[in-house]
PDB file of all heavy atoms in Angstrom:
ATOM      1  N   SER A   1      14.891  51.520  81.027  1.00  0.00           N
ATOM      2  CA  SER A   1      15.217  50.217  80.451  1.00  0.00           C
ATOM      3  C   SER A   1      14.521  49.174  81.314  1.00  0.00           C
ATOM      4  O   SER A   1      13.999  49.484  82.395  1.00  0.00           O
ATOM      5  CB  SER A   1      16.725  49.990  80.474  1.00  0.00           C
ATOM      6  OG  SER A   1      17.174  49.865  81.823  1.00  0.00           O
ATOM      7  N   GLN A   2      14.524  47.944  80.862  1.00  0.00           N
ATOM      8  CA  GLN A   2      13.952  46.888  81.689  1.00  0.00           C
ATOM      9  C   GLN A   2      14.726  46.774  83.000  1.00  0.00           C
ATOM     10  O   GLN A   2      14.137  46.557  84.060  1.00  0.00           O
ATOM     11  CB  GLN A   2      13.937  45.559  80.936  1.00  0.00           C
ATOM     12  CG  GLN A   2      12.930  45.545  79.807  1.00  0.00           C
ATOM     13  CD  GLN A   2      12.927  44.261  79.010  1.00  0.00           C
ATOM     14  OE1 GLN A   2      13.842  43.440  79.112  1.00  0.00           O
ATOM     15  NE2 GLN A   2      11.908  44.084  78.180  1.00  0.00           N
ATOM     16  N   LYS A   3      16.027  46.963  82.939  1.00  0.00           N
ATOM     17  CA  LYS A   3      16.860  46.913  84.149  1.00  0.00           C
ATOM     18  C   LYS A   3      16.502  48.070  85.090  1.00  0.00           C
ATOM     19  O   LYS A   3      16.410  47.885  86.309  1.00  0.00           O
ATOM     20  CB  LYS A   3      18.349  46.951  83.771  1.00  0.00           C
ATOM     21  CG  LYS A   3      19.282  46.993  84.949  1.00  0.00           C
ATOM     22  CD  LYS A   3      19.221  45.714  85.775  1.00  0.00           C
ATOM     23  CE  LYS A   3      20.248  45.750  86.896  1.00  0.00           C
ATOM     24  NZ  LYS A   3      19.741  45.271  88.158  1.00  0.00           N
ATOM     25  N   ASP A   4      16.297  49.270  84.529  1.00  0.00           N
ATOM     26  CA  ASP A   4      15.896  50.417  85.365  1.00  0.00           C
ATOM     27  C   ASP A   4      14.571  50.137  86.059  1.00  0.00           C
ATOM     28  O   ASP A   4      14.403  50.435  87.243  1.00  0.00           O
ATOM     29  CB  ASP A   4      15.757  51.691  84.513  1.00  0.00           C
ATOM     30  CG  ASP A   4      17.052  52.184  83.916  1.00  0.00           C
ATOM     31  OD1 ASP A   4      18.132  51.894  84.483  1.00  0.00           O
ATOM     32  OD2 ASP A   4      16.992  52.860  82.867  1.00  0.00           O
ATOM     33  N   LEU A   5      13.622  49.557  85.299  1.00  0.00           N
ATOM     34  CA  LEU A   5      12.319  49.240  85.881  1.00  0.00           C
ATOM     35  C   LEU A   5      12.462  48.168  86.956  1.00  0.00           C
ATOM     36  O   LEU A   5      11.794  48.237  87.994  1.00  0.00           O
ATOM     37  CB  LEU A   5      11.336  48.804  84.792  1.00  0.00           C
ATOM     38  CG  LEU A   5       9.902  48.535  85.233  1.00  0.00           C
ATOM     39  CD1 LEU A   5       9.305  49.726  85.980  1.00  0.00           C
ATOM     40  CD2 LEU A   5       9.044  48.162  84.033  1.00  0.00           C
ATOM     41  N   GLU A   6      13.339  47.229  86.732  1.00  0.00           N
ATOM     42  CA  GLU A   6      13.624  46.216  87.750  1.00  0.00           C
ATOM     43  C   GLU A   6      14.084  46.890  89.042  1.00  0.00           C
ATOM     44  O   GLU A   6      13.590  46.584  90.132  1.00  0.00           O
ATOM     45  CB  GLU A   6      14.711  45.253  87.255  1.00  0.00           C
ATOM     46  CG  GLU A   6      15.180  44.274  88.321  1.00  0.00           C
ATOM     47  CD  GLU A   6      16.330  43.399  87.855  1.00  0.00           C
ATOM     48  OE1 GLU A   6      17.354  43.938  87.388  1.00  0.00           O
ATOM     49  OE2 GLU A   6      16.192  42.164  87.979  1.00  0.00           O
ATOM     50  N   ASP A   7      15.016  47.818  88.913  1.00  0.00           N
ATOM     51  CA  ASP A   7      15.552  48.504  90.088  1.00  0.00           C
ATOM     52  C   ASP A   7      14.472  49.315  90.815  1.00  0.00           C
ATOM     53  O   ASP A   7      14.425  49.337  92.040  1.00  0.00           O
ATOM     54  CB  ASP A   7      16.713  49.424  89.691  1.00  0.00           C
ATOM     55  CG  ASP A   7      17.928  48.650  89.190  1.00  0.00           C
ATOM     56  OD1 ASP A   7      18.035  47.429  89.475  1.00  0.00           O
ATOM     57  OD2 ASP A   7      18.764  49.267  88.489  1.00  0.00           O
ATOM     58  N   LYS A   8      13.602  49.974  90.049  1.00  0.00           N
ATOM     59  CA  LYS A   8      12.557  50.811  90.650  1.00  0.00           C
ATOM     60  C   LYS A   8      11.401  50.005  91.233  1.00  0.00           C
ATOM     61  O   LYS A   8      10.765  50.441  92.182  1.00  0.00           O
ATOM     62  CB  LYS A   8      12.010  51.798  89.614  1.00  0.00           C
ATOM     63  CG  LYS A   8      12.974  52.916  89.260  1.00  0.00           C
ATOM     64  CD  LYS A   8      12.331  53.912  88.331  1.00  0.00           C
ATOM     65  CE  LYS A   8      11.431  54.790  89.111  1.00  0.00           C
ATOM     66  NZ  LYS A   8      11.651  56.203  89.075  1.00  0.00           N
ATOM     67  N   SER A   9      11.110  48.837  90.641  1.00  0.00           N
ATOM     68  CA  SER A   9       9.915  48.083  91.042  1.00  0.00           C
ATOM     69  C   SER A   9      10.221  46.845  91.875  1.00  0.00           C
ATOM     70  O   SER A   9       9.312  46.250  92.432  1.00  0.00           O
ATOM     71  CB  SER A   9       9.138  47.649  89.797  1.00  0.00           C
ATOM     72  OG  SER A   9       9.894  46.700  89.051  1.00  0.00           O
ATOM     73  N   ASN A  10      11.484  46.462  91.905  1.00  0.00           N
ATOM     74  CA  ASN A  10      11.886  45.232  92.576  1.00  0.00           C
ATOM     75  C   ASN A  10      11.238  44.005  91.934  1.00  0.00           C
ATOM     76  O   ASN A  10      10.912  43.024  92.591  1.00  0.00           O
ATOM     77  CB  ASN A  10      11.590  45.290  94.076  1.00  0.00           C
ATOM     78  CG  ASN A  10      12.435  44.302  94.861  1.00  0.00           C
ATOM     79  OD1 ASN A  10      13.541  43.960  94.454  1.00  0.00           O
ATOM     80  ND2 ASN A  10      11.910  43.824  95.970  1.00  0.00           N
ATOM     81  N   VAL A  11      11.003  44.099  90.617  1.00  0.00           N
ATOM     82  CA  VAL A  11      10.495  42.997  89.809  1.00  0.00           C
ATOM     83  C   VAL A  11      11.579  42.694  88.783  1.00  0.00           C
ATOM     84  O   VAL A  11      12.095  43.608  88.142  1.00  0.00           O
ATOM     85  CB  VAL A  11       9.172  43.378  89.100  1.00  0.00           C
ATOM     86  CG1 VAL A  11       8.731  42.301  88.132  1.00  0.00           C
ATOM     87  CG2 VAL A  11       8.087  43.673  90.124  1.00  0.00           C
ATOM     88  N   SER A  12      11.933  41.438  88.623  1.00  0.00           N
ATOM     89  CA  SER A  12      13.076  41.099  87.781  1.00  0.00           C
ATOM     90  C   SER A  12      12.891  41.540  86.325  1.00  0.00           C
ATOM     91  O   SER A  12      11.784  41.490  85.776  1.00  0.00           O
ATOM     92  CB  SER A  12      13.360  39.603  87.831  1.00  0.00           C
ATOM     93  OG  SER A  12      12.482  38.889  86.995  1.00  0.00           O
ATOM     94  N   ALA A  13      13.992  41.939  85.729  1.00  0.00           N
ATOM     95  CA  ALA A  13      13.986  42.332  84.321  1.00  0.00           C
ATOM     96  C   ALA A  13      13.591  41.157  83.439  1.00  0.00           C
ATOM     97  O   ALA A  13      12.957  41.334  82.399  1.00  0.00           O
ATOM     98  CB  ALA A  13      15.353  42.879  83.918  1.00  0.00           C
ATOM     99  N   VAL A  14      13.938  39.954  83.855  1.00  0.00           N
ATOM    100  CA  VAL A  14      13.549  38.752  83.107  1.00  0.00           C
ATOM    101  C   VAL A  14      12.026  38.641  83.068  1.00  0.00           C
ATOM    102  O   VAL A  14      11.427  38.378  82.020  1.00  0.00           O
ATOM    103  CB  VAL A  14      14.178  37.480  83.733  1.00  0.00           C
ATOM    104  CG1 VAL A  14      13.598  36.218  83.124  1.00  0.00           C
ATOM    105  CG2 VAL A  14      15.687  37.519  83.591  1.00  0.00           C
ATOM    106  N   TYR A  15      11.381  38.861  84.209  1.00  0.00           N
ATOM    107  CA  TYR A  15       9.920  38.801  84.289  1.00  0.00           C
ATOM    108  C   TYR A  15       9.294  39.918  83.447  1.00  0.00           C
ATOM    109  O   TYR A  15       8.324  39.683  82.703  1.00  0.00           O
ATOM    110  CB  TYR A  15       9.491  38.912  85.746  1.00  0.00           C
ATOM    111  CG  TYR A  15       8.018  38.750  85.985  1.00  0.00           C
ATOM    112  CD1 TYR A  15       7.387  37.528  85.780  1.00  0.00           C
ATOM    113  CD2 TYR A  15       7.248  39.814  86.424  1.00  0.00           C
ATOM    114  CE1 TYR A  15       6.026  37.374  86.012  1.00  0.00           C
ATOM    115  CE2 TYR A  15       5.890  39.668  86.663  1.00  0.00           C
ATOM    116  CZ  TYR A  15       5.290  38.455  86.448  1.00  0.00           C
ATOM    117  OH  TYR A  15       3.953  38.305  86.667  1.00  0.00           O
ATOM    118  N   ILE A  16       9.844  41.121  83.527  1.00  0.00           N
ATOM    119  CA  ILE A  16       9.352  42.248  82.725  1.00  0.00           C
ATOM    120  C   ILE A  16       9.468  41.911  81.244  1.00  0.00           C
ATOM    121  O   ILE A  16       8.538  42.136  80.463  1.00  0.00           O
ATOM    122  CB  ILE A  16      10.126  43.534  83.084  1.00  0.00           C
ATOM    123  CG1 ILE A  16       9.770  43.966  84.507  1.00  0.00           C
ATOM    124  CG2 ILE A  16       9.842  44.653  82.079  1.00  0.00           C
ATOM    125  CD1 ILE A  16      10.705  44.992  85.121  1.00  0.00           C
ATOM    126  N   ASN A  17      10.597  41.330  80.851  1.00  0.00           N
ATOM    127  CA  ASN A  17      10.812  40.930  79.462  1.00  0.00           C
ATOM    128  C   ASN A  17       9.799  39.886  79.033  1.00  0.00           C
ATOM    129  O   ASN A  17       9.257  39.943  77.921  1.00  0.00           O
ATOM    130  CB  ASN A  17      12.249  40.409  79.294  1.00  0.00           C
ATOM    131  CG  ASN A  17      12.544  40.038  77.868  1.00  0.00           C
ATOM    132  OD1 ASN A  17      12.179  38.960  77.410  1.00  0.00           O
ATOM    133  ND2 ASN A  17      13.215  40.925  77.160  1.00  0.00           N
ATOM    134  N   GLN A  18       9.515  38.928  79.894  1.00  0.00           N
ATOM    135  CA  GLN A  18       8.525  37.888  79.562  1.00  0.00           C
ATOM    136  C   GLN A  18       7.161  38.507  79.307  1.00  0.00           C
ATOM    137  O   GLN A  18       6.465  38.118  78.357  1.00  0.00           O
ATOM    138  CB  GLN A  18       8.432  36.869  80.696  1.00  0.00           C
ATOM    139  CG  GLN A  18       9.626  35.970  80.806  1.00  0.00           C
ATOM    140  CD  GLN A  18       9.568  35.070  82.029  1.00  0.00           C
ATOM    141  OE1 GLN A  18       8.863  35.347  82.988  1.00  0.00           O
ATOM    142  NE2 GLN A  18      10.331  33.986  81.994  1.00  0.00           N
ATOM    143  N   ILE A  19       6.762  39.465  80.132  1.00  0.00           N
ATOM    144  CA  ILE A  19       5.466  40.109  79.938  1.00  0.00           C
ATOM    145  C   ILE A  19       5.462  40.888  78.630  1.00  0.00           C
ATOM    146  O   ILE A  19       4.531  40.787  77.835  1.00  0.00           O
ATOM    147  CB  ILE A  19       5.121  41.035  81.131  1.00  0.00           C
ATOM    148  CG1 ILE A  19       4.940  40.214  82.397  1.00  0.00           C
ATOM    149  CG2 ILE A  19       3.849  41.836  80.826  1.00  0.00           C
ATOM    150  CD1 ILE A  19       4.829  41.046  83.663  1.00  0.00           C
ATOM    151  N   GLU A  20       6.516  41.684  78.393  1.00  0.00           N
ATOM    152  CA  GLU A  20       6.574  42.505  77.183  1.00  0.00           C
ATOM    153  C   GLU A  20       6.603  41.670  75.907  1.00  0.00           C
ATOM    154  O   GLU A  20       6.220  42.155  74.851  1.00  0.00           O
ATOM    155  CB  GLU A  20       7.786  43.439  77.224  1.00  0.00           C
ATOM    156  CG  GLU A  20       7.614  44.579  78.198  1.00  0.00           C
ATOM    157  CD  GLU A  20       8.752  45.583  78.137  1.00  0.00           C
ATOM    158  OE1 GLU A  20       9.693  45.436  77.334  1.00  0.00           O
ATOM    159  OE2 GLU A  20       8.700  46.551  78.927  1.00  0.00           O
ATOM    160  N   HIS A  21       7.034  40.438  75.997  1.00  0.00           N
ATOM    161  CA  HIS A  21       7.097  39.575  74.817  1.00  0.00           C
ATOM    162  C   HIS A  21       5.979  38.533  74.803  1.00  0.00           C
ATOM    163  O   HIS A  21       6.067  37.516  74.122  1.00  0.00           O
ATOM    164  CB  HIS A  21       8.478  38.924  74.710  1.00  0.00           C
ATOM    165  CG  HIS A  21       9.527  39.904  74.307  1.00  0.00           C
ATOM    166  ND1 HIS A  21      10.266  40.615  75.231  1.00  0.00           N
ATOM    167  CD2 HIS A  21       9.912  40.341  73.089  1.00  0.00           C
ATOM    168  CE1 HIS A  21      11.079  41.410  74.594  1.00  0.00           C
ATOM    169  NE2 HIS A  21      10.885  41.274  73.297  1.00  0.00           N
ATOM    170  N   CYS A  22       4.920  38.799  75.565  1.00  0.00           N
ATOM    171  CA  CYS A  22       3.700  37.975  75.571  1.00  0.00           C
ATOM    172  C   CYS A  22       3.972  36.512  75.882  1.00  0.00           C
ATOM    173  O   CYS A  22       3.324  35.613  75.329  1.00  0.00           O
ATOM    174  CB  CYS A  22       2.948  38.091  74.248  1.00  0.00           C
ATOM    175  SG  CYS A  22       2.258  39.703  73.952  1.00  0.00           S
ATOM    176  N   ARG A  23       4.907  36.267  76.769  1.00  0.00           N
ATOM    177  CA  ARG A  23       5.126  34.893  77.205  1.00  0.00           C
ATOM    178  C   ARG A  23       4.190  34.647  78.386  1.00  0.00           C
ATOM    179  O   ARG A  23       4.317  35.296  79.420  1.00  0.00           O
ATOM    180  CB  ARG A  23       6.587  34.688  77.597  1.00  0.00           C
ATOM    181  CG  ARG A  23       7.491  34.768  76.395  1.00  0.00           C
ATOM    182  CD  ARG A  23       8.902  34.347  76.728  1.00  0.00           C
ATOM    183  NE  ARG A  23       9.772  34.786  75.655  1.00  0.00           N
ATOM    184  CZ  ARG A  23      10.626  35.796  75.754  1.00  0.00           C
ATOM    185  NH1 ARG A  23      10.747  36.471  76.877  1.00  0.00           N
ATOM    186  NH2 ARG A  23      11.378  36.134  74.732  1.00  0.00           N
ATOM    187  N   PRO A  24       3.256  33.752  78.210  1.00  0.00           N
ATOM    188  CA  PRO A  24       2.242  33.544  79.247  1.00  0.00           C
ATOM    189  C   PRO A  24       2.831  33.310  80.638  1.00  0.00           C
ATOM    190  O   PRO A  24       3.851  32.661  80.792  1.00  0.00           O
ATOM    191  CB  PRO A  24       1.493  32.301  78.759  1.00  0.00           C
ATOM    192  CG  PRO A  24       1.679  32.319  77.287  1.00  0.00           C
ATOM    193  CD  PRO A  24       3.066  32.877  77.070  1.00  0.00           C
ATOM    194  N   ASN A  25       2.173  33.897  81.592  1.00  0.00           N
ATOM    195  CA  ASN A  25       2.564  33.812  82.989  1.00  0.00           C
ATOM    196  C   ASN A  25       1.352  33.334  83.765  1.00  0.00           C
ATOM    197  O   ASN A  25       0.240  33.810  83.544  1.00  0.00           O
ATOM    198  CB  ASN A  25       2.999  35.208  83.446  1.00  0.00           C
ATOM    199  CG  ASN A  25       3.114  35.329  84.920  1.00  0.00           C
ATOM    200  OD1 ASN A  25       2.111  35.393  85.621  1.00  0.00           O
ATOM    201  ND2 ASN A  25       4.336  35.370  85.392  1.00  0.00           N
ATOM    202  N   LYS A  26       1.559  32.408  84.673  1.00  0.00           N
ATOM    203  CA  LYS A  26       0.448  31.801  85.421  1.00  0.00           C
ATOM    204  C   LYS A  26      -0.411  32.850  86.120  1.00  0.00           C
ATOM    205  O   LYS A  26      -1.630  32.829  86.017  1.00  0.00           O
ATOM    206  CB  LYS A  26       1.011  30.797  86.437  1.00  0.00           C
ATOM    207  CG  LYS A  26      -0.027  30.080  87.229  1.00  0.00           C
ATOM    208  CD  LYS A  26      -0.491  28.851  86.510  1.00  0.00           C
ATOM    209  CE  LYS A  26      -1.369  28.037  87.421  1.00  0.00           C
ATOM    210  NZ  LYS A  26      -2.429  27.385  86.742  1.00  0.00           N
ATOM    211  N   GLY A  27       0.219  33.788  86.824  1.00  0.00           N
ATOM    212  CA  GLY A  27      -0.543  34.795  87.568  1.00  0.00           C
ATOM    213  C   GLY A  27      -1.365  35.694  86.672  1.00  0.00           C
ATOM    214  O   GLY A  27      -2.556  35.921  86.907  1.00  0.00           O
ATOM    215  N   ILE A  28      -0.745  36.196  85.622  1.00  0.00           N
ATOM    216  CA  ILE A  28      -1.449  37.101  84.707  1.00  0.00           C
ATOM    217  C   ILE A  28      -2.515  36.338  83.933  1.00  0.00           C
ATOM    218  O   ILE A  28      -3.642  36.811  83.780  1.00  0.00           O
ATOM    219  CB  ILE A  28      -0.456  37.803  83.770  1.00  0.00           C
ATOM    220  CG1 ILE A  28       0.434  38.747  84.591  1.00  0.00           C
ATOM    221  CG2 ILE A  28      -1.179  38.568  82.674  1.00  0.00           C
ATOM    222  CD1 ILE A  28       1.616  39.310  83.846  1.00  0.00           C
ATOM    223  N   SER A  29      -2.172  35.148  83.468  1.00  0.00           N
ATOM    224  CA  SER A  29      -3.160  34.337  82.741  1.00  0.00           C
ATOM    225  C   SER A  29      -4.367  34.030  83.622  1.00  0.00           C
ATOM    226  O   SER A  29      -5.507  34.052  83.155  1.00  0.00           O
ATOM    227  CB  SER A  29      -2.531  33.038  82.251  1.00  0.00           C
ATOM    228  OG  SER A  29      -1.540  33.305  81.284  1.00  0.00           O
ATOM    229  N   SER A  30      -4.119  33.778  84.889  1.00  0.00           N
ATOM    230  CA  SER A  30      -5.226  33.498  85.819  1.00  0.00           C
ATOM    231  C   SER A  30      -6.123  34.709  85.990  1.00  0.00           C
ATOM    232  O   SER A  30      -7.354  34.577  85.995  1.00  0.00           O
ATOM    233  CB  SER A  30      -4.672  33.057  87.179  1.00  0.00           C
ATOM    234  OG  SER A  30      -3.993  31.835  87.051  1.00  0.00           O
ATOM    235  N   LEU A  31      -5.534  35.908  86.116  1.00  0.00           N
ATOM    236  CA  LEU A  31      -6.350  37.128  86.240  1.00  0.00           C
ATOM    237  C   LEU A  31      -7.192  37.361  84.991  1.00  0.00           C
ATOM    238  O   LEU A  31      -8.356  37.762  85.086  1.00  0.00           O
ATOM    239  CB  LEU A  31      -5.465  38.343  86.513  1.00  0.00           C
ATOM    240  CG  LEU A  31      -4.945  38.481  87.924  1.00  0.00           C
ATOM    241  CD1 LEU A  31      -3.973  39.653  88.028  1.00  0.00           C
ATOM    242  CD2 LEU A  31      -6.092  38.663  88.911  1.00  0.00           C
ATOM    243  N   ILE A  32      -6.614  37.082  83.831  1.00  0.00           N
ATOM    244  CA  ILE A  32      -7.361  37.247  82.585  1.00  0.00           C
ATOM    245  C   ILE A  32      -8.533  36.263  82.542  1.00  0.00           C
ATOM    246  O   ILE A  32      -9.656  36.634  82.207  1.00  0.00           O
ATOM    247  CB  ILE A  32      -6.432  37.082  81.358  1.00  0.00           C
ATOM    248  CG1 ILE A  32      -5.448  38.260  81.291  1.00  0.00           C
ATOM    249  CG2 ILE A  32      -7.239  36.978  80.070  1.00  0.00           C
ATOM    250  CD1 ILE A  32      -4.315  38.083  80.292  1.00  0.00           C
ATOM    251  N   LYS A  33      -8.300  35.019  82.925  1.00  0.00           N
ATOM    252  CA  LYS A  33      -9.373  34.013  82.943  1.00  0.00           C
ATOM    253  C   LYS A  33     -10.461  34.389  83.945  1.00  0.00           C
ATOM    254  O   LYS A  33     -11.656  34.219  83.681  1.00  0.00           O
ATOM    255  CB  LYS A  33      -8.801  32.640  83.275  1.00  0.00           C
ATOM    256  CG  LYS A  33      -7.987  32.046  82.158  1.00  0.00           C
ATOM    257  CD  LYS A  33      -7.377  30.719  82.572  1.00  0.00           C
ATOM    258  CE  LYS A  33      -6.507  30.160  81.476  1.00  0.00           C
ATOM    259  NZ  LYS A  33      -5.839  28.920  81.856  1.00  0.00           N
ATOM    260  N   ILE A  34     -10.053  34.897  85.103  1.00  0.00           N
ATOM    261  CA  ILE A  34     -11.028  35.319  86.116  1.00  0.00           C
ATOM    262  C   ILE A  34     -11.871  36.467  85.587  1.00  0.00           C
ATOM    263  O   ILE A  34     -13.100  36.470  85.724  1.00  0.00           O
ATOM    264  CB  ILE A  34     -10.319  35.696  87.436  1.00  0.00           C
ATOM    265  CG1 ILE A  34      -9.757  34.442  88.108  1.00  0.00           C
ATOM    266  CG2 ILE A  34     -11.256  36.467  88.366  1.00  0.00           C
ATOM    267  CD1 ILE A  34      -8.789  34.719  89.249  1.00  0.00           C
ATOM    268  N   SER A  35     -11.230  37.447  84.946  1.00  0.00           N
ATOM    269  CA  SER A  35     -11.984  38.588  84.416  1.00  0.00           C
ATOM    270  C   SER A  35     -12.973  38.130  83.350  1.00  0.00           C
ATOM    271  O   SER A  35     -14.096  38.628  83.290  1.00  0.00           O
ATOM    272  CB  SER A  35     -11.046  39.673  83.866  1.00  0.00           C
ATOM    273  OG  SER A  35     -10.456  39.276  82.653  1.00  0.00           O
ATOM    274  N   GLN A  36     -12.571  37.170  82.528  1.00  0.00           N
ATOM    275  CA  GLN A  36     -13.484  36.648  81.508  1.00  0.00           C
ATOM    276  C   GLN A  36     -14.677  35.945  82.149  1.00  0.00           C
ATOM    277  O   GLN A  36     -15.810  36.122  81.715  1.00  0.00           O
ATOM    278  CB  GLN A  36     -12.747  35.699  80.564  1.00  0.00           C
ATOM    279  CG  GLN A  36     -11.750  36.417  79.680  1.00  0.00           C
ATOM    280  CD  GLN A  36     -10.864  35.468  78.895  1.00  0.00           C
ATOM    281  OE1 GLN A  36     -10.739  34.291  79.221  1.00  0.00           O
ATOM    282  NE2 GLN A  36     -10.234  35.994  77.857  1.00  0.00           N
ATOM    283  N   ALA A  37     -14.416  35.182  83.187  1.00  0.00           N
ATOM    284  CA  ALA A  37     -15.509  34.491  83.880  1.00  0.00           C
ATOM    285  C   ALA A  37     -16.467  35.486  84.522  1.00  0.00           C
ATOM    286  O   ALA A  37     -17.669  35.227  84.600  1.00  0.00           O
ATOM    287  CB  ALA A  37     -14.941  33.543  84.936  1.00  0.00           C
ATOM    288  N   LEU A  38     -15.929  36.623  84.957  1.00  0.00           N
ATOM    289  CA  LEU A  38     -16.758  37.666  85.577  1.00  0.00           C
ATOM    290  C   LEU A  38     -17.379  38.609  84.545  1.00  0.00           C
ATOM    291  O   LEU A  38     -18.136  39.504  84.900  1.00  0.00           O
ATOM    292  CB  LEU A  38     -15.914  38.477  86.567  1.00  0.00           C
ATOM    293  CG  LEU A  38     -15.380  37.706  87.773  1.00  0.00           C
ATOM    294  CD1 LEU A  38     -14.414  38.574  88.568  1.00  0.00           C
ATOM    295  CD2 LEU A  38     -16.521  37.216  88.644  1.00  0.00           C
ATOM    296  N   GLN A  39     -17.034  38.400  83.273  1.00  0.00           N
ATOM    297  CA  GLN A  39     -17.568  39.192  82.162  1.00  0.00           C
ATOM    298  C   GLN A  39     -17.157  40.661  82.236  1.00  0.00           C
ATOM    299  O   GLN A  39     -17.952  41.557  81.952  1.00  0.00           O
ATOM    300  CB  GLN A  39     -19.086  39.056  82.083  1.00  0.00           C
ATOM    301  CG  GLN A  39     -19.555  37.630  81.941  1.00  0.00           C
ATOM    302  CD  GLN A  39     -21.059  37.517  81.964  1.00  0.00           C
ATOM    303  OE1 GLN A  39     -21.743  38.260  81.277  1.00  0.00           O
ATOM    304  NE2 GLN A  39     -21.570  36.581  82.742  1.00  0.00           N
ATOM    305  N   VAL A  40     -15.907  40.899  82.635  1.00  0.00           N
ATOM    306  CA  VAL A  40     -15.380  42.261  82.684  1.00  0.00           C
ATOM    307  C   VAL A  40     -13.975  42.281  82.077  1.00  0.00           C
ATOM    308  O   VAL A  40     -13.275  41.266  82.103  1.00  0.00           O
ATOM    309  CB  VAL A  40     -15.324  42.828  84.127  1.00  0.00           C
ATOM    310  CG1 VAL A  40     -16.714  42.922  84.733  1.00  0.00           C
ATOM    311  CG2 VAL A  40     -14.402  42.024  85.017  1.00  0.00           C
TER     312      VAL A  40
END
């Protein structure tokens, strides 16, 4: 479950839920923009 993953990864279930529901996140969005700039 998201809660189980939270316990195993020490990443909040709220954050996991945000990622799974495509709610933009500054860190992930930045990595995507960087990869696009690097053409990979």
